[in-house]
Amino acid sequence: MPSYNLDLSGYRPMVSDTVPDGRYLAMVDDYDFSKSKSGNDMFTIWIRIVTGPYAGNVIIDRLVTQGKGLFKIVGFMNGLGLPTPKRRLSVNPEQWKNRKVYIDTGMSEPYRGRPATSQIDGYSRYVSEDEATTDAAVVDGPTVEVQAYGEGALGEAIEAEDVKAFETTAAEVVDASQGDESAAPAPVALPASAEPEMLSLSDISL
C-alpha cells in the first residue's frame, strides 16, 4: 500500500515508563481531568524527565481530589511552587504545564498479574535562577474547585482500587498494540545539580 501519514501530535502514553528509582528533574507535559471508577474527581498528570540519561521518559501520576488523596495533590502543587491555603480554592491546571519539578520515583506494586512500573512517590520544588525575580504569568484555562485542608477533607481514605483499575484499563489498550517491553536499563548516577528546595507538609494542620 502507499505510505500512510500517521499523526502522533496528540499521542499521550497510558502507562508509565520504567526508570531506576531515584530523583529526577522533570516537567509537566499535560493533564486530564476525569472521574475515578467510584465517581471521585481525578487529575491524570503526564510528567516528562528532562535531564540525564532518562530524559524523555514519561511518568504518569493520578491525583484524586477527595479524602486522603488531597495530601498528594497538595504535595504536587507545592512542588510546582503554587500556594495551597487551608481553605477552598480554585486551581487553574493550565498553570501546571511546562513547570519543572523534582520527582522521586519508586516501583509500583504488581497488580492483577501486570508487572510493576515506575510511580511518583514525592515531589520537591525546583527553583530556577530567575524565578525569584519574576512572577508566573496567569494563564487562562479551566478552573476546578478543590477542597483543601482544614475542612474535614481527610475524612475518607483514598480509593487505591479506583486508580489501579484506571491504570489496568489503560494498560490493556497498550498491550493490544505492543509486545513485551525490554527490561529497564541498569541504574546510573543522576547528574549532580543544585540541591532542590525541600518542602515539607508537616506544618499543615490537619
N, C-alpha and C. Protein backbone atom coordinates (compact mmCIF):
# COMPACT_ATOMS: atom_id res chain seq x y z
N MET A 1 0.84 -1.19 0.00
CA MET A 1 0.00 0.00 0.00
C MET A 1 0.89 1.25 0.00
N PRO A 2 0.36 2.36 -0.45
CA PRO A 2 1.16 3.59 -0.41
C PRO A 2 1.41 4.01 1.02
N SER A 3 2.39 4.90 1.21
CA SER A 3 2.74 5.35 2.56
C SER A 3 1.54 6.01 3.23
N TYR A 4 1.47 5.83 4.52
CA TYR A 4 0.35 6.36 5.30
C TYR A 4 0.88 7.41 6.28
N ASN A 5 0.28 8.56 6.30
CA ASN A 5 0.69 9.65 7.19
C ASN A 5 0.00 9.49 8.53
N LEU A 6 0.78 9.09 9.54
CA LEU A 6 0.25 8.87 10.88
C LEU A 6 0.51 10.11 11.73
N ASP A 7 -0.54 10.71 12.26
CA ASP A 7 -0.42 11.92 13.07
C ASP A 7 -0.32 11.53 14.54
N LEU A 8 0.86 11.70 15.13
CA LEU A 8 1.07 11.40 16.54
C LEU A 8 1.17 12.66 17.39
N SER A 9 0.74 13.77 16.85
CA SER A 9 0.89 15.04 17.59
C SER A 9 0.06 15.05 18.87
N GLY A 10 -1.02 14.30 18.91
CA GLY A 10 -1.86 14.26 20.11
C GLY A 10 -1.68 13.02 20.95
N TYR A 11 -0.61 12.26 20.69
CA TYR A 11 -0.42 11.00 21.41
C TYR A 11 0.03 11.25 22.84
N ARG A 12 -0.57 10.50 23.77
CA ARG A 12 -0.14 10.51 25.17
C ARG A 12 -0.08 9.06 25.65
N PRO A 13 1.05 8.65 26.24
CA PRO A 13 1.13 7.27 26.73
C PRO A 13 0.13 7.04 27.85
N MET A 14 -0.30 5.80 28.00
CA MET A 14 -1.28 5.46 29.03
C MET A 14 -0.66 4.67 30.17
N VAL A 15 0.60 4.27 30.03
CA VAL A 15 1.31 3.54 31.07
C VAL A 15 2.66 4.21 31.29
N SER A 16 3.07 4.34 32.55
CA SER A 16 4.34 4.98 32.85
C SER A 16 5.51 4.19 32.29
N ASP A 17 6.57 4.91 31.90
CA ASP A 17 7.83 4.25 31.58
C ASP A 17 8.46 3.73 32.87
N THR A 18 9.44 2.85 32.72
CA THR A 18 10.14 2.30 33.88
C THR A 18 11.56 2.83 33.91
N VAL A 19 11.92 3.50 34.99
CA VAL A 19 13.25 4.07 35.18
C VAL A 19 13.77 3.63 36.54
N PRO A 20 15.07 3.67 36.76
CA PRO A 20 15.59 3.32 38.08
C PRO A 20 15.05 4.25 39.16
N ASP A 21 14.84 3.72 40.35
CA ASP A 21 14.37 4.55 41.46
C ASP A 21 15.37 5.68 41.70
N GLY A 22 14.86 6.86 41.97
CA GLY A 22 15.74 7.99 42.23
C GLY A 22 15.02 9.30 42.06
N ARG A 23 15.80 10.38 42.05
CA ARG A 23 15.26 11.73 41.90
C ARG A 23 15.61 12.26 40.52
N TYR A 24 14.62 12.85 39.86
CA TYR A 24 14.81 13.36 38.50
C TYR A 24 14.20 14.75 38.39
N LEU A 25 14.84 15.58 37.57
CA LEU A 25 14.25 16.86 37.21
C LEU A 25 13.29 16.61 36.05
N ALA A 26 12.06 17.04 36.21
CA ALA A 26 11.03 16.73 35.23
C ALA A 26 10.17 17.95 34.95
N MET A 27 9.30 17.83 33.98
CA MET A 27 8.42 18.92 33.58
C MET A 27 7.01 18.36 33.34
N VAL A 28 6.01 19.13 33.72
CA VAL A 28 4.62 18.72 33.49
C VAL A 28 4.29 18.93 32.01
N ASP A 29 4.04 17.83 31.32
CA ASP A 29 3.71 17.91 29.90
C ASP A 29 2.24 18.21 29.66
N ASP A 30 1.37 17.52 30.38
CA ASP A 30 -0.05 17.64 30.10
C ASP A 30 -0.85 17.11 31.28
N TYR A 31 -2.14 17.34 31.25
CA TYR A 31 -3.04 16.86 32.30
C TYR A 31 -4.38 16.51 31.68
N ASP A 32 -5.14 15.74 32.41
CA ASP A 32 -6.51 15.43 32.01
C ASP A 32 -7.36 15.38 33.27
N PHE A 33 -8.58 15.83 33.17
CA PHE A 33 -9.49 15.82 34.31
C PHE A 33 -10.61 14.85 34.02
N SER A 34 -10.81 13.89 34.93
CA SER A 34 -11.82 12.86 34.70
C SER A 34 -12.38 12.40 36.05
N LYS A 35 -13.09 11.31 36.02
CA LYS A 35 -13.66 10.72 37.22
C LYS A 35 -13.03 9.35 37.47
N SER A 36 -12.81 9.05 38.73
CA SER A 36 -12.35 7.71 39.07
C SER A 36 -13.54 6.74 38.94
N LYS A 37 -13.27 5.47 39.13
CA LYS A 37 -14.32 4.47 38.98
C LYS A 37 -15.49 4.71 39.93
N SER A 38 -15.19 5.23 41.12
CA SER A 38 -16.25 5.47 42.10
C SER A 38 -16.89 6.84 41.94
N GLY A 39 -16.42 7.62 40.97
CA GLY A 39 -17.03 8.92 40.72
C GLY A 39 -16.30 10.10 41.31
N ASN A 40 -15.16 9.86 41.97
CA ASN A 40 -14.38 10.97 42.52
C ASN A 40 -13.64 11.71 41.42
N ASP A 41 -13.48 13.03 41.60
CA ASP A 41 -12.70 13.82 40.64
C ASP A 41 -11.24 13.38 40.68
N MET A 42 -10.60 13.35 39.52
CA MET A 42 -9.22 12.89 39.45
C MET A 42 -8.48 13.58 38.31
N PHE A 43 -7.28 14.08 38.62
CA PHE A 43 -6.38 14.61 37.60
C PHE A 43 -5.38 13.52 37.21
N THR A 44 -5.20 13.32 35.92
CA THR A 44 -4.12 12.49 35.41
C THR A 44 -3.04 13.43 34.88
N ILE A 45 -1.80 13.24 35.36
CA ILE A 45 -0.71 14.15 35.03
C ILE A 45 0.38 13.38 34.29
N TRP A 46 0.81 13.91 33.14
CA TRP A 46 1.93 13.35 32.39
C TRP A 46 3.18 14.19 32.69
N ILE A 47 4.18 13.56 33.30
CA ILE A 47 5.39 14.28 33.73
C ILE A 47 6.59 13.66 33.02
N ARG A 48 7.33 14.49 32.31
CA ARG A 48 8.45 14.02 31.48
C ARG A 48 9.78 14.39 32.12
N ILE A 49 10.67 13.43 32.24
CA ILE A 49 12.02 13.68 32.73
C ILE A 49 12.77 14.50 31.68
N VAL A 50 13.49 15.53 32.11
CA VAL A 50 14.08 16.46 31.15
C VAL A 50 15.61 16.47 31.15
N THR A 51 16.27 15.83 32.12
CA THR A 51 17.72 15.81 32.13
C THR A 51 18.23 14.40 32.40
N GLY A 52 19.51 14.20 32.10
CA GLY A 52 20.12 12.92 32.41
C GLY A 52 19.86 11.86 31.36
N PRO A 53 20.35 10.65 31.60
CA PRO A 53 20.23 9.56 30.62
C PRO A 53 18.80 9.08 30.40
N TYR A 54 17.89 9.44 31.28
CA TYR A 54 16.50 9.01 31.14
C TYR A 54 15.58 10.14 30.68
N ALA A 55 16.19 11.20 30.15
CA ALA A 55 15.40 12.31 29.62
C ALA A 55 14.46 11.80 28.53
N GLY A 56 13.23 12.27 28.57
CA GLY A 56 12.22 11.85 27.60
C GLY A 56 11.27 10.80 28.13
N ASN A 57 11.67 10.08 29.17
CA ASN A 57 10.76 9.11 29.78
C ASN A 57 9.63 9.83 30.49
N VAL A 58 8.44 9.26 30.41
CA VAL A 58 7.24 9.89 30.97
C VAL A 58 6.70 9.02 32.11
N ILE A 59 6.47 9.67 33.25
CA ILE A 59 5.83 9.01 34.39
C ILE A 59 4.46 9.63 34.57
N ILE A 60 3.46 8.78 34.74
CA ILE A 60 2.08 9.25 34.87
C ILE A 60 1.67 9.20 36.34
N ASP A 61 1.06 10.28 36.80
CA ASP A 61 0.55 10.30 38.17
C ASP A 61 -0.94 10.60 38.11
N ARG A 62 -1.66 10.03 39.07
CA ARG A 62 -3.11 10.25 39.14
C ARG A 62 -3.45 10.79 40.51
N LEU A 63 -4.05 11.97 40.54
CA LEU A 63 -4.27 12.72 41.77
C LEU A 63 -5.76 12.84 42.03
N VAL A 64 -6.23 12.14 43.05
CA VAL A 64 -7.64 12.20 43.44
C VAL A 64 -7.83 13.43 44.33
N THR A 65 -8.92 14.14 44.14
CA THR A 65 -9.12 15.42 44.82
C THR A 65 -10.02 15.33 46.03
N GLN A 66 -10.34 14.14 46.49
CA GLN A 66 -11.13 13.98 47.70
C GLN A 66 -10.38 13.11 48.70
N GLY A 67 -10.76 13.24 49.97
CA GLY A 67 -10.22 12.39 51.00
C GLY A 67 -8.72 12.54 51.18
N LYS A 68 -8.05 11.44 51.52
CA LYS A 68 -6.63 11.49 51.76
C LYS A 68 -5.82 11.73 50.49
N GLY A 69 -6.46 11.63 49.34
CA GLY A 69 -5.79 11.96 48.09
C GLY A 69 -5.36 13.40 48.04
N LEU A 70 -5.96 14.26 48.87
CA LEU A 70 -5.58 15.67 48.88
C LEU A 70 -4.13 15.85 49.32
N PHE A 71 -3.64 14.97 50.16
CA PHE A 71 -2.26 15.09 50.61
C PHE A 71 -1.31 15.05 49.42
N LYS A 72 -1.60 14.21 48.45
CA LYS A 72 -0.72 14.07 47.30
C LYS A 72 -0.84 15.25 46.35
N ILE A 73 -2.06 15.74 46.12
CA ILE A 73 -2.21 16.86 45.19
C ILE A 73 -1.63 18.14 45.79
N VAL A 74 -1.71 18.29 47.12
CA VAL A 74 -1.07 19.43 47.77
C VAL A 74 0.45 19.34 47.61
N GLY A 75 1.02 18.14 47.78
CA GLY A 75 2.45 17.97 47.58
C GLY A 75 2.86 18.28 46.15
N PHE A 76 2.04 17.88 45.19
CA PHE A 76 2.31 18.17 43.78
C PHE A 76 2.33 19.68 43.53
N MET A 77 1.30 20.38 44.02
CA MET A 77 1.22 21.82 43.78
C MET A 77 2.33 22.57 44.51
N ASN A 78 2.66 22.15 45.72
CA ASN A 78 3.77 22.78 46.43
C ASN A 78 5.08 22.56 45.68
N GLY A 79 5.24 21.37 45.10
CA GLY A 79 6.43 21.11 44.31
C GLY A 79 6.54 22.03 43.10
N LEU A 80 5.40 22.46 42.58
CA LEU A 80 5.40 23.41 41.47
C LEU A 80 5.54 24.85 41.93
N GLY A 81 5.58 25.05 43.24
CA GLY A 81 5.69 26.41 43.77
C GLY A 81 4.38 27.16 43.82
N LEU A 82 3.27 26.43 43.84
CA LEU A 82 1.95 27.06 43.87
C LEU A 82 1.38 27.01 45.29
N PRO A 83 0.75 28.09 45.74
CA PRO A 83 0.23 28.14 47.11
C PRO A 83 -0.96 27.21 47.29
N THR A 84 -1.11 26.68 48.50
CA THR A 84 -2.25 25.82 48.84
C THR A 84 -2.77 26.23 50.21
N PRO A 85 -3.50 27.32 50.30
CA PRO A 85 -4.05 27.75 51.59
C PRO A 85 -5.04 26.72 52.12
N LYS A 86 -5.25 26.76 53.44
CA LYS A 86 -6.12 25.77 54.09
C LYS A 86 -7.59 26.18 53.97
N ARG A 87 -8.06 26.20 52.78
CA ARG A 87 -9.45 26.56 52.51
C ARG A 87 -9.79 26.10 51.10
N ARG A 88 -11.04 26.34 50.70
CA ARG A 88 -11.39 26.02 49.32
C ARG A 88 -10.67 27.00 48.40
N LEU A 89 -10.21 26.49 47.26
CA LEU A 89 -9.54 27.35 46.30
C LEU A 89 -9.81 26.86 44.90
N SER A 90 -9.76 27.78 43.96
CA SER A 90 -9.89 27.44 42.55
C SER A 90 -8.50 27.28 41.97
N VAL A 91 -8.25 26.16 41.32
CA VAL A 91 -6.95 25.92 40.72
C VAL A 91 -7.09 25.96 39.20
N ASN A 92 -6.06 26.45 38.55
CA ASN A 92 -6.04 26.51 37.10
C ASN A 92 -4.98 25.53 36.60
N PRO A 93 -5.36 24.33 36.19
CA PRO A 93 -4.37 23.32 35.79
C PRO A 93 -3.52 23.73 34.60
N GLU A 94 -3.95 24.72 33.83
CA GLU A 94 -3.11 25.21 32.74
C GLU A 94 -1.80 25.78 33.28
N GLN A 95 -1.82 26.26 34.52
CA GLN A 95 -0.61 26.80 35.12
C GLN A 95 0.39 25.71 35.48
N TRP A 96 -0.04 24.47 35.52
CA TRP A 96 0.87 23.37 35.83
C TRP A 96 1.78 23.04 34.66
N LYS A 97 1.29 23.24 33.45
CA LYS A 97 2.01 22.79 32.26
C LYS A 97 3.32 23.54 32.07
N ASN A 98 4.35 22.79 31.69
CA ASN A 98 5.69 23.30 31.41
C ASN A 98 6.44 23.77 32.65
N ARG A 99 5.90 23.53 33.84
CA ARG A 99 6.64 23.83 35.07
C ARG A 99 7.55 22.66 35.41
N LYS A 100 8.74 22.99 35.90
CA LYS A 100 9.69 21.97 36.29
C LYS A 100 9.54 21.63 37.77
N VAL A 101 9.81 20.37 38.09
CA VAL A 101 9.68 19.90 39.47
C VAL A 101 10.58 18.68 39.62
N TYR A 102 11.14 18.49 40.80
CA TYR A 102 11.88 17.26 41.08
C TYR A 102 10.88 16.17 41.50
N ILE A 103 11.03 14.99 40.92
CA ILE A 103 10.18 13.86 41.29
C ILE A 103 11.04 12.75 41.87
N ASP A 104 10.54 12.11 42.91
CA ASP A 104 11.17 10.92 43.48
C ASP A 104 10.37 9.71 43.03
N THR A 105 11.04 8.80 42.34
CA THR A 105 10.34 7.66 41.77
C THR A 105 10.64 6.38 42.52
N GLY A 106 9.69 5.48 42.49
CA GLY A 106 9.83 4.13 43.03
C GLY A 106 9.04 3.20 42.14
N MET A 107 8.99 1.93 42.50
CA MET A 107 8.25 0.95 41.71
C MET A 107 6.89 0.70 42.32
N SER A 108 5.90 0.63 41.47
CA SER A 108 4.55 0.31 41.93
C SER A 108 4.47 -1.18 42.26
N GLU A 109 3.40 -1.56 42.94
CA GLU A 109 3.15 -2.97 43.22
C GLU A 109 2.52 -3.64 41.99
N PRO A 110 2.93 -4.86 41.66
CA PRO A 110 2.25 -5.58 40.57
C PRO A 110 0.76 -5.67 40.86
N TYR A 111 -0.04 -5.58 39.83
CA TYR A 111 -1.49 -5.57 40.02
C TYR A 111 -2.15 -6.49 39.02
N ARG A 112 -2.85 -7.49 39.53
CA ARG A 112 -3.60 -8.44 38.70
C ARG A 112 -2.74 -9.03 37.59
N GLY A 113 -1.53 -9.42 37.96
CA GLY A 113 -0.66 -10.08 37.01
C GLY A 113 0.16 -9.16 36.14
N ARG A 114 -0.08 -7.85 36.23
CA ARG A 114 0.68 -6.92 35.41
C ARG A 114 1.99 -6.57 36.12
N PRO A 115 3.08 -6.41 35.37
CA PRO A 115 4.36 -6.07 36.00
C PRO A 115 4.33 -4.67 36.58
N ALA A 116 5.20 -4.43 37.55
CA ALA A 116 5.30 -3.11 38.17
C ALA A 116 5.92 -2.11 37.20
N THR A 117 5.55 -0.85 37.35
CA THR A 117 6.14 0.23 36.57
C THR A 117 6.54 1.35 37.54
N SER A 118 7.23 2.34 37.03
CA SER A 118 7.65 3.44 37.89
C SER A 118 6.45 4.29 38.30
N GLN A 119 6.51 4.79 39.53
CA GLN A 119 5.48 5.70 40.02
C GLN A 119 6.17 6.84 40.76
N ILE A 120 5.43 7.91 40.98
CA ILE A 120 5.98 9.06 41.68
C ILE A 120 5.63 8.95 43.15
N ASP A 121 6.67 8.94 43.99
CA ASP A 121 6.48 8.83 45.44
C ASP A 121 6.47 10.19 46.12
N GLY A 122 6.99 11.21 45.48
CA GLY A 122 7.03 12.54 46.10
C GLY A 122 7.53 13.59 45.13
N TYR A 123 7.30 14.84 45.52
CA TYR A 123 7.70 15.99 44.72
C TYR A 123 8.53 16.95 45.57
N SER A 124 9.51 17.60 44.94
CA SER A 124 10.29 18.65 45.59
C SER A 124 10.43 19.82 44.62
N ARG A 125 10.47 20.99 45.16
CA ARG A 125 10.44 22.18 44.32
C ARG A 125 11.77 22.41 43.60
N TYR A 126 11.66 22.77 42.32
CA TYR A 126 12.80 23.20 41.52
C TYR A 126 12.76 24.72 41.45
N VAL A 127 13.86 25.37 41.78
CA VAL A 127 13.92 26.84 41.78
C VAL A 127 14.94 27.27 40.73
N SER A 128 14.48 27.93 39.68
CA SER A 128 15.38 28.43 38.66
C SER A 128 16.05 29.71 39.13
N GLU A 129 17.10 30.12 38.44
CA GLU A 129 17.87 31.27 38.88
C GLU A 129 17.07 32.56 38.82
N ASP A 130 16.19 32.65 37.85
CA ASP A 130 15.45 33.91 37.70
C ASP A 130 14.03 33.83 38.24
N GLU A 131 13.67 32.71 38.88
CA GLU A 131 12.29 32.55 39.36
C GLU A 131 11.95 33.58 40.43
N ALA A 132 12.92 33.90 41.27
CA ALA A 132 12.66 34.83 42.36
C ALA A 132 12.38 36.24 41.88
N THR A 133 12.76 36.56 40.63
CA THR A 133 12.60 37.93 40.15
C THR A 133 11.37 38.13 39.29
N THR A 134 10.73 37.04 38.91
CA THR A 134 9.55 37.16 38.07
C THR A 134 8.42 36.32 38.63
N ASP A 135 7.23 36.83 38.52
CA ASP A 135 6.05 36.07 38.95
C ASP A 135 5.53 35.28 37.77
N ALA A 136 4.99 34.12 38.06
CA ALA A 136 4.43 33.28 36.99
C ALA A 136 3.25 33.99 36.36
N ALA A 137 3.20 33.94 35.02
CA ALA A 137 2.11 34.58 34.30
C ALA A 137 0.82 33.82 34.54
N VAL A 138 -0.28 34.54 34.60
CA VAL A 138 -1.59 33.92 34.77
C VAL A 138 -2.06 33.45 33.40
N VAL A 139 -2.37 32.18 33.30
CA VAL A 139 -2.80 31.59 32.03
C VAL A 139 -4.27 31.28 32.10
N ASP A 140 -4.99 31.71 31.06
CA ASP A 140 -6.41 31.39 31.01
C ASP A 140 -6.59 29.90 30.80
N GLY A 141 -7.58 29.34 31.44
CA GLY A 141 -7.83 27.90 31.31
C GLY A 141 -8.92 27.48 32.26
N PRO A 142 -9.30 26.22 32.22
CA PRO A 142 -10.37 25.75 33.10
C PRO A 142 -9.95 25.81 34.56
N THR A 143 -10.88 26.12 35.42
CA THR A 143 -10.62 26.12 36.85
C THR A 143 -11.46 25.05 37.51
N VAL A 144 -10.91 24.42 38.51
CA VAL A 144 -11.60 23.35 39.22
C VAL A 144 -11.50 23.65 40.70
N GLU A 145 -12.62 23.60 41.41
CA GLU A 145 -12.60 23.88 42.84
C GLU A 145 -12.16 22.63 43.58
N VAL A 146 -11.17 22.81 44.44
CA VAL A 146 -10.62 21.71 45.22
C VAL A 146 -10.77 22.03 46.69
N GLN A 147 -11.25 21.07 47.47
CA GLN A 147 -11.37 21.27 48.90
C GLN A 147 -10.02 21.03 49.54
N ALA A 148 -9.48 22.07 50.18
CA ALA A 148 -8.15 21.95 50.78
C ALA A 148 -8.26 21.55 52.24
N TYR A 149 -7.11 21.50 52.92
CA TYR A 149 -7.09 21.07 54.31
C TYR A 149 -7.85 22.04 55.20
N GLY A 150 -8.29 21.53 56.34
CA GLY A 150 -8.96 22.39 57.31
C GLY A 150 -10.46 22.29 57.28
N GLU A 151 -11.02 21.48 56.38
CA GLU A 151 -12.47 21.39 56.27
C GLU A 151 -12.93 19.93 56.30
N GLY A 152 -12.26 19.13 57.07
CA GLY A 152 -12.63 17.72 57.15
C GLY A 152 -12.32 16.97 55.89
N ALA A 153 -11.33 17.47 55.13
CA ALA A 153 -11.05 16.87 53.83
C ALA A 153 -10.43 15.50 53.93
N LEU A 154 -9.86 15.14 55.09
CA LEU A 154 -9.18 13.86 55.19
C LEU A 154 -10.07 12.79 55.82
N GLY A 155 -11.35 12.97 55.78
CA GLY A 155 -12.25 12.05 56.45
C GLY A 155 -12.38 10.70 55.78
N GLU A 156 -12.09 10.60 54.47
CA GLU A 156 -12.23 9.34 53.78
C GLU A 156 -10.90 8.92 53.20
N ALA A 157 -10.69 7.61 53.08
CA ALA A 157 -9.42 7.10 52.57
C ALA A 157 -9.40 7.20 51.06
N ILE A 158 -8.21 7.41 50.51
CA ILE A 158 -8.07 7.41 49.06
C ILE A 158 -8.39 6.01 48.54
N GLU A 159 -9.10 5.95 47.44
CA GLU A 159 -9.54 4.67 46.91
C GLU A 159 -8.51 4.18 45.91
N ALA A 160 -7.54 3.43 46.41
CA ALA A 160 -6.45 2.95 45.56
C ALA A 160 -6.97 2.06 44.45
N GLU A 161 -8.04 1.30 44.72
CA GLU A 161 -8.56 0.40 43.70
C GLU A 161 -9.05 1.18 42.49
N ASP A 162 -9.57 2.41 42.72
CA ASP A 162 -10.01 3.23 41.60
C ASP A 162 -8.86 3.52 40.66
N VAL A 163 -7.75 3.96 41.22
CA VAL A 163 -6.60 4.31 40.40
C VAL A 163 -6.03 3.07 39.74
N LYS A 164 -5.92 1.96 40.49
CA LYS A 164 -5.40 0.73 39.92
C LYS A 164 -6.25 0.25 38.76
N ALA A 165 -7.58 0.34 38.92
CA ALA A 165 -8.46 -0.10 37.86
C ALA A 165 -8.29 0.77 36.63
N PHE A 166 -8.10 2.08 36.85
CA PHE A 166 -7.88 3.01 35.74
C PHE A 166 -6.61 2.64 35.00
N GLU A 167 -5.53 2.36 35.75
CA GLU A 167 -4.25 2.02 35.15
C GLU A 167 -4.33 0.71 34.37
N THR A 168 -5.07 -0.26 34.93
CA THR A 168 -5.19 -1.56 34.27
C THR A 168 -5.91 -1.43 32.95
N THR A 169 -7.01 -0.65 32.93
CA THR A 169 -7.75 -0.45 31.69
C THR A 169 -6.88 0.20 30.64
N ALA A 170 -6.11 1.21 31.04
CA ALA A 170 -5.23 1.89 30.10
C ALA A 170 -4.14 0.96 29.60
N ALA A 171 -3.62 0.13 30.48
CA ALA A 171 -2.54 -0.78 30.10
C ALA A 171 -3.02 -1.82 29.09
N GLU A 172 -4.26 -2.27 29.23
CA GLU A 172 -4.79 -3.26 28.32
C GLU A 172 -4.87 -2.71 26.90
N VAL A 173 -5.16 -1.40 26.78
CA VAL A 173 -5.19 -0.77 25.45
C VAL A 173 -3.82 -0.82 24.83
N VAL A 174 -2.78 -0.53 25.63
CA VAL A 174 -1.42 -0.55 25.12
C VAL A 174 -1.00 -1.95 24.74
N ASP A 175 -1.36 -2.95 25.57
CA ASP A 175 -0.98 -4.33 25.31
C ASP A 175 -1.51 -4.83 23.99
N ALA A 176 -2.63 -4.27 23.55
CA ALA A 176 -3.23 -4.74 22.31
C ALA A 176 -2.38 -4.38 21.09
N SER A 177 -1.51 -3.37 21.23
CA SER A 177 -0.73 -2.91 20.09
C SER A 177 0.76 -3.04 20.28
N GLN A 178 1.21 -3.44 21.48
CA GLN A 178 2.64 -3.52 21.73
C GLN A 178 3.00 -4.88 22.29
N GLY A 179 4.23 -5.29 22.05
CA GLY A 179 4.72 -6.53 22.61
C GLY A 179 5.32 -6.28 23.95
N ASP A 180 6.07 -7.28 24.45
CA ASP A 180 6.72 -7.13 25.75
C ASP A 180 7.76 -6.05 25.69
N GLU A 181 7.85 -5.26 26.75
CA GLU A 181 8.86 -4.22 26.84
C GLU A 181 10.16 -4.86 27.30
N SER A 182 11.28 -4.29 26.85
CA SER A 182 12.58 -4.78 27.31
C SER A 182 12.81 -4.36 28.73
N ALA A 183 13.69 -5.04 29.41
CA ALA A 183 13.96 -4.74 30.81
C ALA A 183 14.52 -3.34 30.94
N ALA A 184 14.24 -2.72 32.07
CA ALA A 184 14.73 -1.36 32.31
C ALA A 184 16.24 -1.38 32.41
N PRO A 185 16.93 -0.31 31.91
CA PRO A 185 18.38 -0.25 31.99
C PRO A 185 18.83 -0.17 33.43
N ALA A 186 20.09 -0.58 33.64
CA ALA A 186 20.63 -0.56 34.99
C ALA A 186 20.74 0.86 35.49
N PRO A 187 20.57 1.06 36.80
CA PRO A 187 20.63 2.41 37.37
C PRO A 187 22.00 3.04 37.15
N VAL A 188 21.97 4.34 36.91
CA VAL A 188 23.22 5.10 36.84
C VAL A 188 23.10 6.28 37.76
N ALA A 189 24.22 6.88 38.08
CA ALA A 189 24.20 8.03 38.99
C ALA A 189 23.54 9.21 38.30
N LEU A 190 22.66 9.87 39.00
CA LEU A 190 21.99 11.04 38.45
C LEU A 190 22.96 12.21 38.45
N PRO A 191 22.79 13.16 37.51
CA PRO A 191 23.70 14.31 37.46
C PRO A 191 23.57 15.15 38.71
N ALA A 192 24.70 15.60 39.21
CA ALA A 192 24.69 16.46 40.40
C ALA A 192 24.21 17.83 39.99
N SER A 193 23.23 18.34 40.65
CA SER A 193 22.69 19.66 40.34
C SER A 193 22.46 20.39 41.64
N ALA A 194 22.04 21.64 41.51
CA ALA A 194 21.79 22.42 42.71
C ALA A 194 20.78 21.71 43.57
N GLU A 195 21.04 21.66 44.86
CA GLU A 195 20.15 20.97 45.78
C GLU A 195 18.78 21.60 45.73
N PRO A 196 17.72 20.85 45.43
CA PRO A 196 16.38 21.45 45.33
C PRO A 196 15.89 21.92 46.69
N GLU A 197 15.03 22.88 46.64
CA GLU A 197 14.42 23.35 47.87
C GLU A 197 13.46 22.30 48.38
N MET A 198 13.69 21.80 49.56
CA MET A 198 12.84 20.75 50.11
C MET A 198 11.63 21.36 50.78
N LEU A 199 10.48 20.85 50.46
CA LEU A 199 9.25 21.34 51.05
C LEU A 199 8.67 20.25 51.95
N SER A 200 8.13 20.64 53.03
CA SER A 200 7.53 19.69 53.96
C SER A 200 6.10 20.06 54.20
N LEU A 201 5.25 19.03 54.28
CA LEU A 201 3.84 19.26 54.58
C LEU A 201 3.55 19.06 56.06
N SER A 202 4.61 18.87 56.85
CA SER A 202 4.39 18.57 58.26
C SER A 202 3.77 19.73 59.02
N ASP A 203 3.90 20.94 58.44
CA ASP A 203 3.35 22.09 59.15
C ASP A 203 1.90 22.31 58.82
N ILE A 204 1.33 21.45 57.97
CA ILE A 204 -0.09 21.59 57.63
C ILE A 204 -0.91 21.04 58.79
N SER A 205 -1.78 21.86 59.30
CA SER A 205 -2.62 21.43 60.43
C SER A 205 -3.81 20.67 59.89
N LEU A 206 -3.88 19.39 60.22
CA LEU A 206 -5.00 18.57 59.72
C LEU A 206 -6.17 18.65 60.68
